[in-house]
N, C-alpha and C. Protein backbone atom coordinates (compact mmCIF):
# COMPACT_ATOMS: atom_id res chain seq x y z
N MET A 1 -39.28 58.09 41.26
CA MET A 1 -40.55 58.53 40.76
C MET A 1 -41.67 57.70 41.69
N GLU A 2 -42.64 58.37 42.17
CA GLU A 2 -43.60 57.65 42.98
C GLU A 2 -44.64 57.01 41.79
N ASP A 3 -45.10 55.78 42.44
CA ASP A 3 -46.01 55.09 41.69
C ASP A 3 -47.30 55.91 41.17
N ASP A 4 -47.76 56.67 42.06
CA ASP A 4 -49.11 57.45 41.77
C ASP A 4 -48.85 58.41 40.77
N LEU A 5 -47.58 58.76 40.38
CA LEU A 5 -47.36 59.72 39.42
C LEU A 5 -47.25 59.03 38.03
N VAL A 6 -47.09 57.65 37.83
CA VAL A 6 -46.96 57.16 36.56
C VAL A 6 -48.21 56.79 36.07
N THR A 7 -48.45 57.26 34.79
CA THR A 7 -49.72 56.93 34.10
C THR A 7 -49.34 56.07 32.84
N HIS A 8 -50.07 54.88 32.61
CA HIS A 8 -49.87 54.07 31.46
C HIS A 8 -51.11 54.33 30.60
N LEU A 9 -50.84 54.04 29.17
CA LEU A 9 -51.81 53.94 28.26
C LEU A 9 -52.68 52.99 28.57
N PRO A 10 -53.92 53.29 28.31
CA PRO A 10 -55.05 52.40 28.70
C PRO A 10 -54.84 51.12 27.99
N THR A 11 -55.27 50.05 28.61
CA THR A 11 -55.24 48.51 28.15
C THR A 11 -55.78 48.70 26.55
N ASP A 12 -56.86 49.20 26.29
CA ASP A 12 -57.47 49.18 24.90
C ASP A 12 -56.47 49.95 23.96
N VAL A 13 -55.88 50.88 24.24
CA VAL A 13 -54.92 51.52 23.46
C VAL A 13 -53.68 50.65 23.13
N ARG A 14 -53.08 50.06 24.24
CA ARG A 14 -52.08 49.15 24.14
C ARG A 14 -52.21 48.07 23.21
N ALA A 15 -53.64 47.49 23.30
CA ALA A 15 -54.24 46.41 22.40
C ALA A 15 -54.22 46.97 20.98
N ALA A 16 -54.63 48.09 20.88
CA ALA A 16 -54.88 48.66 19.55
C ALA A 16 -53.50 48.79 18.68
N LEU A 17 -52.48 49.27 19.47
CA LEU A 17 -51.14 49.41 19.05
C LEU A 17 -50.45 48.11 18.75
N ARG A 18 -50.58 47.25 19.59
CA ARG A 18 -50.00 45.77 19.36
C ARG A 18 -50.76 45.27 18.02
N LEU A 19 -52.10 45.30 18.08
CA LEU A 19 -52.69 44.67 16.81
C LEU A 19 -52.23 45.38 15.53
N PHE A 20 -52.26 46.61 15.61
CA PHE A 20 -51.76 47.33 14.42
C PHE A 20 -50.37 46.89 13.96
N ALA A 21 -49.53 46.81 14.84
CA ALA A 21 -48.10 46.43 14.59
C ALA A 21 -47.98 45.05 14.09
N PHE A 22 -48.85 44.24 14.54
CA PHE A 22 -48.88 42.73 14.08
C PHE A 22 -49.44 42.67 12.69
N TYR A 23 -50.42 43.42 12.35
CA TYR A 23 -50.92 43.35 11.07
C TYR A 23 -49.80 44.08 9.95
N LEU A 24 -49.34 45.23 10.57
CA LEU A 24 -48.17 45.80 9.76
C LEU A 24 -47.16 44.94 9.37
N GLY A 25 -46.55 44.29 10.45
CA GLY A 25 -45.49 43.36 10.27
C GLY A 25 -45.78 42.07 9.60
N ASN A 26 -47.00 41.65 9.73
CA ASN A 26 -47.37 40.27 9.15
C ASN A 26 -47.82 40.47 7.77
N GLY A 27 -47.83 41.70 7.22
CA GLY A 27 -48.34 41.84 5.79
C GLY A 27 -49.74 41.82 5.55
N THR A 28 -50.48 41.94 6.48
CA THR A 28 -51.93 41.87 6.49
C THR A 28 -52.66 43.15 6.87
N LEU A 29 -52.03 44.29 6.79
CA LEU A 29 -52.66 45.57 7.01
C LEU A 29 -53.63 45.94 5.85
N GLU A 30 -54.96 46.05 6.32
CA GLU A 30 -55.90 46.51 5.20
C GLU A 30 -55.67 45.64 3.88
N VAL A 31 -55.92 44.31 3.96
CA VAL A 31 -55.57 43.63 2.85
C VAL A 31 -56.20 44.06 1.38
N GLU A 32 -57.43 44.51 1.48
CA GLU A 32 -58.12 44.81 0.37
C GLU A 32 -57.51 46.10 -0.38
N LEU A 33 -57.04 47.02 0.46
CA LEU A 33 -56.22 48.37 0.04
C LEU A 33 -54.88 48.13 -0.56
N LEU A 34 -54.30 47.08 0.13
CA LEU A 34 -52.91 47.01 -0.15
C LEU A 34 -52.46 45.44 -0.70
N ASP A 35 -53.57 44.94 -1.32
CA ASP A 35 -53.44 43.73 -2.15
C ASP A 35 -52.35 43.80 -3.06
N GLY A 36 -51.55 42.82 -3.12
CA GLY A 36 -50.38 42.77 -4.10
C GLY A 36 -49.18 43.69 -3.98
N ILE A 37 -49.31 44.53 -2.80
CA ILE A 37 -48.10 45.55 -2.58
C ILE A 37 -47.32 44.92 -1.67
N ASP A 38 -46.05 44.82 -1.93
CA ASP A 38 -45.17 44.25 -0.93
C ASP A 38 -44.51 45.42 -0.03
N TYR A 39 -45.19 45.86 0.76
CA TYR A 39 -44.87 47.11 1.59
C TYR A 39 -43.71 46.78 2.71
N ARG A 40 -43.78 45.59 3.07
CA ARG A 40 -42.89 45.36 4.18
C ARG A 40 -41.21 45.64 3.78
N SER A 41 -40.97 45.20 2.71
CA SER A 41 -39.60 45.43 2.15
C SER A 41 -39.24 46.87 2.04
N HIS A 42 -40.24 47.74 1.58
CA HIS A 42 -40.26 49.20 1.50
C HIS A 42 -39.83 49.72 2.95
N LEU A 43 -40.58 49.38 3.75
CA LEU A 43 -40.67 49.79 5.25
C LEU A 43 -39.19 49.61 5.82
N LEU A 44 -38.63 48.50 5.63
CA LEU A 44 -37.23 48.15 6.02
C LEU A 44 -36.17 49.03 5.54
N VAL A 45 -36.34 49.54 4.43
CA VAL A 45 -35.43 50.23 3.61
C VAL A 45 -35.63 51.89 4.15
N PHE A 46 -36.82 52.27 4.20
CA PHE A 46 -37.07 53.71 4.61
C PHE A 46 -37.69 53.71 6.00
N GLY A 47 -36.92 53.96 6.87
CA GLY A 47 -37.59 53.95 8.40
C GLY A 47 -38.47 54.98 8.67
N SER A 48 -38.22 56.27 7.97
CA SER A 48 -39.15 57.41 8.29
C SER A 48 -40.48 57.08 7.74
N ASP A 49 -40.77 56.09 6.87
CA ASP A 49 -42.01 55.77 6.60
C ASP A 49 -42.68 55.17 7.52
N LEU A 50 -41.83 54.22 8.25
CA LEU A 50 -42.47 53.49 9.48
C LEU A 50 -42.95 54.46 10.43
N GLU A 51 -42.03 55.36 10.65
CA GLU A 51 -42.31 56.34 11.83
C GLU A 51 -43.64 57.29 11.32
N MET A 52 -43.85 57.60 10.22
CA MET A 52 -45.06 58.23 9.70
C MET A 52 -46.30 57.25 9.81
N ILE A 53 -46.09 56.16 9.59
CA ILE A 53 -47.19 55.14 9.67
C ILE A 53 -47.81 55.16 11.21
N PHE A 54 -46.87 55.08 11.86
CA PHE A 54 -47.41 54.81 13.38
C PHE A 54 -47.77 56.42 13.79
N ALA A 55 -47.24 57.37 13.40
CA ALA A 55 -47.89 58.70 13.69
C ALA A 55 -49.18 58.90 13.37
N ILE A 56 -49.46 58.51 11.98
CA ILE A 56 -50.85 58.71 11.44
C ILE A 56 -51.94 57.84 12.40
N PHE A 57 -51.35 56.65 12.61
CA PHE A 57 -52.38 55.74 13.35
C PHE A 57 -52.64 56.27 14.55
N CYS A 58 -51.53 56.83 15.33
CA CYS A 58 -51.74 57.29 16.66
C CYS A 58 -52.61 58.65 16.71
N ASN A 59 -52.31 59.51 15.61
CA ASN A 59 -52.95 60.84 15.64
C ASN A 59 -54.41 60.66 15.18
N VAL A 60 -54.73 59.71 14.57
CA VAL A 60 -56.15 59.43 14.12
C VAL A 60 -56.95 58.52 15.07
N LEU A 61 -56.25 57.78 15.77
CA LEU A 61 -57.03 56.94 16.93
C LEU A 61 -57.67 57.79 17.80
N GLU A 62 -58.76 57.61 18.11
CA GLU A 62 -59.76 58.30 19.22
C GLU A 62 -59.92 57.51 20.37
N VAL A 63 -59.83 58.02 21.53
CA VAL A 63 -59.99 57.27 22.91
C VAL A 63 -61.00 58.02 23.59
N ASP A 64 -61.88 57.32 24.28
CA ASP A 64 -62.89 58.05 25.18
C ASP A 64 -62.30 58.23 26.53
N GLU A 65 -63.22 58.70 27.42
CA GLU A 65 -62.90 59.03 28.76
C GLU A 65 -62.50 57.92 29.64
N HIS A 66 -62.86 56.56 29.12
CA HIS A 66 -62.79 55.39 29.99
C HIS A 66 -61.48 54.76 29.36
N GLY A 67 -60.74 55.22 28.25
CA GLY A 67 -59.59 54.60 27.71
C GLY A 67 -59.88 53.61 26.54
N HIS A 68 -61.27 53.64 26.08
CA HIS A 68 -61.63 52.70 25.12
C HIS A 68 -61.33 53.33 23.79
N THR A 69 -60.74 52.66 22.71
CA THR A 69 -60.63 53.14 21.50
C THR A 69 -61.94 53.28 20.77
N LEU A 70 -62.21 54.19 19.84
CA LEU A 70 -63.49 54.42 19.33
C LEU A 70 -63.48 54.17 17.77
N ASN A 71 -62.29 54.38 17.15
CA ASN A 71 -62.20 54.29 15.82
C ASN A 71 -60.82 53.47 15.21
N TYR A 72 -60.51 52.26 15.64
CA TYR A 72 -59.49 51.61 15.37
C TYR A 72 -59.43 51.53 13.68
N GLY A 73 -60.50 51.09 13.20
CA GLY A 73 -60.61 50.71 11.74
C GLY A 73 -60.17 51.93 10.98
N ASP A 74 -60.63 53.33 11.40
CA ASP A 74 -60.35 54.35 10.76
C ASP A 74 -58.94 54.71 10.95
N ALA A 75 -58.41 54.51 11.85
CA ALA A 75 -57.05 54.83 12.09
C ALA A 75 -55.91 54.03 11.31
N GLU A 76 -56.61 52.58 11.30
CA GLU A 76 -55.77 51.59 10.53
C GLU A 76 -55.72 52.06 9.05
N TYR A 77 -56.93 52.27 8.56
CA TYR A 77 -57.21 52.72 7.11
C TYR A 77 -56.33 53.83 6.77
N ARG A 78 -56.41 54.78 7.36
CA ARG A 78 -55.56 55.97 7.24
C ARG A 78 -54.24 55.80 7.05
N ALA A 79 -53.59 55.05 7.99
CA ALA A 79 -52.28 54.49 7.92
C ALA A 79 -51.79 53.74 6.70
N ALA A 80 -52.71 52.90 6.32
CA ALA A 80 -52.74 51.90 5.02
C ALA A 80 -52.78 52.88 3.97
N GLN A 81 -53.42 53.82 3.90
CA GLN A 81 -53.41 54.87 2.63
C GLN A 81 -52.07 55.36 2.76
N TRP A 82 -51.37 55.65 3.66
CA TRP A 82 -49.96 56.44 3.49
C TRP A 82 -49.10 55.23 2.91
N VAL A 83 -49.24 54.07 3.27
CA VAL A 83 -48.54 52.79 2.88
C VAL A 83 -48.74 52.79 1.40
N ARG A 84 -50.04 52.80 0.95
CA ARG A 84 -50.38 52.70 -0.41
C ARG A 84 -49.78 53.71 -1.23
N ARG A 85 -49.82 55.00 -0.86
CA ARG A 85 -49.34 56.13 -1.53
C ARG A 85 -47.87 56.16 -1.82
N ARG A 86 -47.05 55.61 -0.79
CA ARG A 86 -45.66 55.54 -0.66
C ARG A 86 -45.19 54.34 -1.74
N CYS A 87 -46.07 53.45 -1.76
CA CYS A 87 -45.55 52.05 -2.69
C CYS A 87 -46.14 52.28 -4.10
N ASP A 88 -47.23 53.19 -4.12
CA ASP A 88 -47.97 53.21 -5.47
C ASP A 88 -48.29 54.77 -5.71
N PRO A 89 -47.33 55.38 -6.36
CA PRO A 89 -47.38 56.86 -6.65
C PRO A 89 -48.72 57.32 -7.26
N GLY A 90 -49.34 56.40 -8.07
CA GLY A 90 -50.63 56.70 -8.71
C GLY A 90 -51.74 56.71 -7.82
N TYR A 91 -51.60 56.17 -6.66
CA TYR A 91 -52.86 56.01 -5.83
C TYR A 91 -53.18 57.48 -5.08
N GLN A 92 -54.35 57.88 -5.17
CA GLN A 92 -54.71 59.25 -4.56
C GLN A 92 -55.52 59.08 -3.23
N VAL A 93 -54.84 59.57 -2.27
CA VAL A 93 -55.58 59.36 -0.89
C VAL A 93 -56.71 60.28 -0.81
N GLU A 94 -57.94 59.57 -0.51
CA GLU A 94 -59.19 60.31 -0.23
C GLU A 94 -59.72 60.09 1.10
N PRO A 95 -60.06 61.09 1.83
CA PRO A 95 -59.67 62.46 1.52
C PRO A 95 -58.22 62.66 1.86
N PRO A 96 -57.49 63.72 1.15
CA PRO A 96 -56.17 64.09 1.37
C PRO A 96 -55.78 64.21 3.10
N PHE A 97 -54.74 63.83 3.17
CA PHE A 97 -54.25 63.91 4.66
C PHE A 97 -54.24 65.36 5.19
N GLU A 98 -54.80 65.57 6.41
CA GLU A 98 -54.71 66.90 6.97
C GLU A 98 -53.45 67.04 7.80
N ALA A 99 -52.95 68.17 8.02
CA ALA A 99 -51.74 68.35 8.68
C ALA A 99 -51.53 67.80 10.11
N TRP A 100 -52.83 67.70 10.86
CA TRP A 100 -52.79 67.14 12.16
C TRP A 100 -52.51 65.61 12.01
N GLU A 101 -52.99 64.95 10.96
CA GLU A 101 -52.98 63.60 10.79
C GLU A 101 -51.46 62.99 10.70
N THR A 102 -50.59 63.97 10.18
CA THR A 102 -49.15 63.62 9.79
C THR A 102 -48.14 64.18 10.69
N GLU A 103 -48.73 64.97 11.69
CA GLU A 103 -47.82 65.65 12.61
C GLU A 103 -46.87 64.84 13.47
N LEU A 104 -45.66 64.74 13.56
CA LEU A 104 -44.82 64.09 14.41
C LEU A 104 -44.62 64.70 15.71
N HIS A 105 -44.64 63.95 16.77
CA HIS A 105 -44.77 64.40 18.19
C HIS A 105 -43.45 63.92 18.82
């Protein structure tokens, strides 16, 4: 493969993914929304939930023409809402997830 055919994710997007994974793994994802919920043990048991969390984060994340992320906080919050709903069945996601947000690619 020639080097000029390889395209990498923009640095800002890679940084957003790294930061999101850090907060998720560290147990500090959207602390106010997930306060008191031990979601990490749940994610280790149900791998498909982890898959959906990253899908939602990536589907919601917007990137401008220069590769800069525009709505990291929104993407993180929507993913955290999925976590909260999976761990707390009484939690109502507002607004409800749209199909494009939970689409697996």
